[in-house]
N, C-alpha and C. Protein backbone atom coordinates (compact mmCIF):
# COMPACT_ATOMS: atom_id res chain seq x y z
N MET A 1 -198.59 -310.68 -109.41
CA MET A 1 -198.83 -312.06 -109.74
C MET A 1 -197.61 -312.72 -110.41
N PRO A 2 -196.88 -312.01 -111.29
CA PRO A 2 -195.69 -312.63 -111.87
C PRO A 2 -194.66 -313.02 -110.81
N ALA A 3 -194.56 -312.28 -109.74
CA ALA A 3 -193.60 -312.61 -108.69
C ALA A 3 -193.95 -313.94 -108.03
N VAL A 4 -195.25 -314.19 -107.85
CA VAL A 4 -195.69 -315.46 -107.27
C VAL A 4 -195.32 -316.61 -108.20
N TYR A 5 -195.52 -316.42 -109.48
CA TYR A 5 -195.18 -317.44 -110.47
C TYR A 5 -193.68 -317.72 -110.47
N LEU A 6 -192.88 -316.67 -110.47
CA LEU A 6 -191.42 -316.85 -110.47
C LEU A 6 -190.95 -317.55 -109.19
N ALA A 7 -191.54 -317.20 -108.06
CA ALA A 7 -191.16 -317.85 -106.81
C ALA A 7 -191.54 -319.33 -106.83
N ALA A 8 -192.73 -319.65 -107.33
CA ALA A 8 -193.17 -321.04 -107.40
C ALA A 8 -192.28 -321.85 -108.34
N MET A 9 -191.94 -321.28 -109.49
CA MET A 9 -191.08 -322.00 -110.43
C MET A 9 -189.66 -322.15 -109.88
N GLY A 10 -189.19 -321.16 -109.14
CA GLY A 10 -187.88 -321.28 -108.50
C GLY A 10 -187.85 -322.41 -107.49
N LEU A 11 -188.91 -322.51 -106.68
CA LEU A 11 -188.99 -323.60 -105.72
C LEU A 11 -189.08 -324.96 -106.42
N LEU A 12 -189.84 -325.01 -107.49
CA LEU A 12 -189.95 -326.25 -108.25
C LEU A 12 -188.61 -326.65 -108.84
N MET A 13 -187.88 -325.67 -109.36
CA MET A 13 -186.57 -325.95 -109.93
C MET A 13 -185.60 -326.49 -108.88
N VAL A 14 -185.58 -325.87 -107.71
CA VAL A 14 -184.71 -326.32 -106.64
C VAL A 14 -185.09 -327.73 -106.20
N ASP A 15 -186.40 -327.99 -106.09
CA ASP A 15 -186.87 -329.32 -105.70
C ASP A 15 -186.43 -330.37 -106.71
N LEU A 16 -186.58 -330.07 -107.98
CA LEU A 16 -186.17 -331.02 -109.01
C LEU A 16 -184.66 -331.23 -109.03
N LEU A 17 -183.91 -330.16 -108.79
CA LEU A 17 -182.44 -330.31 -108.75
C LEU A 17 -182.01 -331.21 -107.60
N ILE A 18 -182.76 -331.20 -106.51
CA ILE A 18 -182.42 -332.04 -105.36
C ILE A 18 -182.88 -333.48 -105.59
N LYS A 19 -184.10 -333.66 -106.08
CA LYS A 19 -184.67 -335.00 -106.18
C LYS A 19 -184.25 -335.76 -107.44
N LYS A 20 -184.12 -335.07 -108.57
CA LYS A 20 -183.77 -335.74 -109.82
C LYS A 20 -182.70 -334.94 -110.57
N PRO A 21 -181.50 -334.86 -110.02
CA PRO A 21 -180.47 -334.02 -110.65
C PRO A 21 -180.02 -334.52 -112.02
N LEU A 22 -180.01 -335.83 -112.24
CA LEU A 22 -179.55 -336.34 -113.54
C LEU A 22 -180.50 -335.96 -114.67
N TYR A 23 -181.77 -335.78 -114.36
CA TYR A 23 -182.74 -335.39 -115.38
C TYR A 23 -182.85 -333.87 -115.51
N THR A 24 -182.52 -333.16 -114.45
CA THR A 24 -182.74 -331.71 -114.43
C THR A 24 -181.58 -330.92 -115.01
N TRP A 25 -180.33 -331.33 -114.75
CA TRP A 25 -179.18 -330.56 -115.21
C TRP A 25 -179.12 -330.35 -116.72
N PRO A 26 -179.37 -331.38 -117.54
CA PRO A 26 -179.30 -331.13 -119.00
C PRO A 26 -180.28 -330.05 -119.46
N GLY A 27 -181.50 -330.07 -118.94
CA GLY A 27 -182.47 -329.04 -119.32
C GLY A 27 -182.06 -327.66 -118.85
N LEU A 28 -181.54 -327.59 -117.64
CA LEU A 28 -181.09 -326.31 -117.10
C LEU A 28 -179.94 -325.75 -117.91
N ILE A 29 -179.02 -326.61 -118.33
CA ILE A 29 -177.89 -326.17 -119.15
C ILE A 29 -178.37 -325.64 -120.50
N ILE A 30 -179.34 -326.32 -121.10
CA ILE A 30 -179.89 -325.86 -122.38
C ILE A 30 -180.51 -324.48 -122.24
N VAL A 31 -181.27 -324.27 -121.16
CA VAL A 31 -181.90 -322.96 -120.94
C VAL A 31 -180.85 -321.89 -120.72
N VAL A 32 -179.82 -322.17 -119.94
CA VAL A 32 -178.78 -321.18 -119.65
C VAL A 32 -178.00 -320.83 -120.91
N ILE A 33 -177.74 -321.82 -121.76
CA ILE A 33 -177.05 -321.55 -123.03
C ILE A 33 -177.92 -320.67 -123.93
N GLY A 34 -179.23 -320.85 -123.84
CA GLY A 34 -180.14 -320.10 -124.69
C GLY A 34 -180.25 -318.62 -124.35
N ILE A 35 -179.93 -318.24 -123.13
CA ILE A 35 -180.07 -316.84 -122.72
C ILE A 35 -179.15 -315.91 -123.53
N PRO A 36 -177.83 -316.18 -123.62
CA PRO A 36 -177.01 -315.28 -124.45
C PRO A 36 -177.36 -315.37 -125.93
N VAL A 37 -177.79 -316.55 -126.38
CA VAL A 37 -178.20 -316.69 -127.78
C VAL A 37 -179.40 -315.78 -128.07
N TYR A 38 -180.34 -315.71 -127.13
CA TYR A 38 -181.51 -314.84 -127.29
C TYR A 38 -181.08 -313.38 -127.45
N PHE A 39 -180.18 -312.91 -126.60
CA PHE A 39 -179.75 -311.51 -126.68
C PHE A 39 -178.94 -311.24 -127.95
N LEU A 40 -178.13 -312.19 -128.37
CA LEU A 40 -177.40 -312.02 -129.64
C LEU A 40 -178.37 -311.98 -130.81
N TRP A 41 -179.38 -312.83 -130.78
CA TRP A 41 -180.38 -312.87 -131.85
C TRP A 41 -181.13 -311.54 -131.91
N ARG A 42 -181.46 -310.97 -130.75
CA ARG A 42 -182.16 -309.68 -130.73
C ARG A 42 -181.29 -308.57 -131.29
N ARG A 43 -179.99 -308.62 -130.99
CA ARG A 43 -179.10 -307.56 -131.43
C ARG A 43 -178.76 -307.65 -132.92
N PHE A 44 -178.45 -308.85 -133.39
CA PHE A 44 -177.95 -309.01 -134.75
C PHE A 44 -178.93 -309.73 -135.67
N GLY A 45 -180.11 -310.07 -135.19
CA GLY A 45 -181.07 -310.84 -135.97
C GLY A 45 -181.68 -310.03 -137.10
N VAL A 46 -182.39 -310.72 -137.94
CA VAL A 46 -183.07 -310.08 -139.07
C VAL A 46 -184.20 -309.22 -138.53
N ALA A 47 -184.44 -308.10 -139.18
CA ALA A 47 -185.51 -307.20 -138.76
C ALA A 47 -186.85 -307.91 -138.82
N SER A 48 -187.73 -307.45 -138.01
CA SER A 48 -189.05 -308.07 -137.93
C SER A 48 -189.78 -307.96 -139.26
N ALA A 49 -190.56 -308.99 -139.57
CA ALA A 49 -191.31 -309.00 -140.82
C ALA A 49 -192.53 -308.09 -140.74
N ILE A 50 -192.92 -307.72 -139.55
CA ILE A 50 -194.09 -306.86 -139.38
C ILE A 50 -193.65 -305.40 -139.55
N GLU A 51 -194.27 -304.73 -140.48
CA GLU A 51 -193.95 -303.34 -140.73
C GLU A 51 -195.07 -302.48 -140.16
N GLU A 52 -194.72 -301.25 -139.83
CA GLU A 52 -195.74 -300.34 -139.35
C GLU A 52 -196.66 -299.96 -140.49
N ALA A 53 -197.93 -299.82 -140.17
CA ALA A 53 -198.90 -299.42 -141.17
C ALA A 53 -198.67 -297.95 -141.53
N PRO A 54 -198.86 -297.58 -142.78
CA PRO A 54 -198.69 -296.18 -143.16
C PRO A 54 -199.76 -295.31 -142.52
N ASP A 55 -199.42 -294.08 -142.30
CA ASP A 55 -200.37 -293.14 -141.70
C ASP A 55 -201.39 -292.73 -142.75
N VAL A 56 -202.62 -293.12 -142.56
CA VAL A 56 -203.66 -292.84 -143.56
C VAL A 56 -204.70 -291.86 -143.03
N THR A 57 -204.36 -291.12 -141.98
CA THR A 57 -205.31 -290.16 -141.45
C THR A 57 -205.45 -289.00 -142.42
N ARG A 58 -206.65 -288.52 -142.52
CA ARG A 58 -206.92 -287.39 -143.44
C ARG A 58 -207.08 -286.11 -142.64
N SER A 59 -206.56 -285.03 -143.18
CA SER A 59 -206.69 -283.77 -142.48
C SER A 59 -207.83 -282.96 -143.01
């Protein structure tokens, strides 16, 4: 099912680039700039605030 979604969104993106390029390019550029920022944030970002729960099993 994710493949169908990706294909549909790809077709929509191509259609918008053809029909309304002046409105579509700025958004596409913002998304493309965000991709390396996302990976840098994952690599060097602050550790997650969620900690693992302590093991409280009894033997």
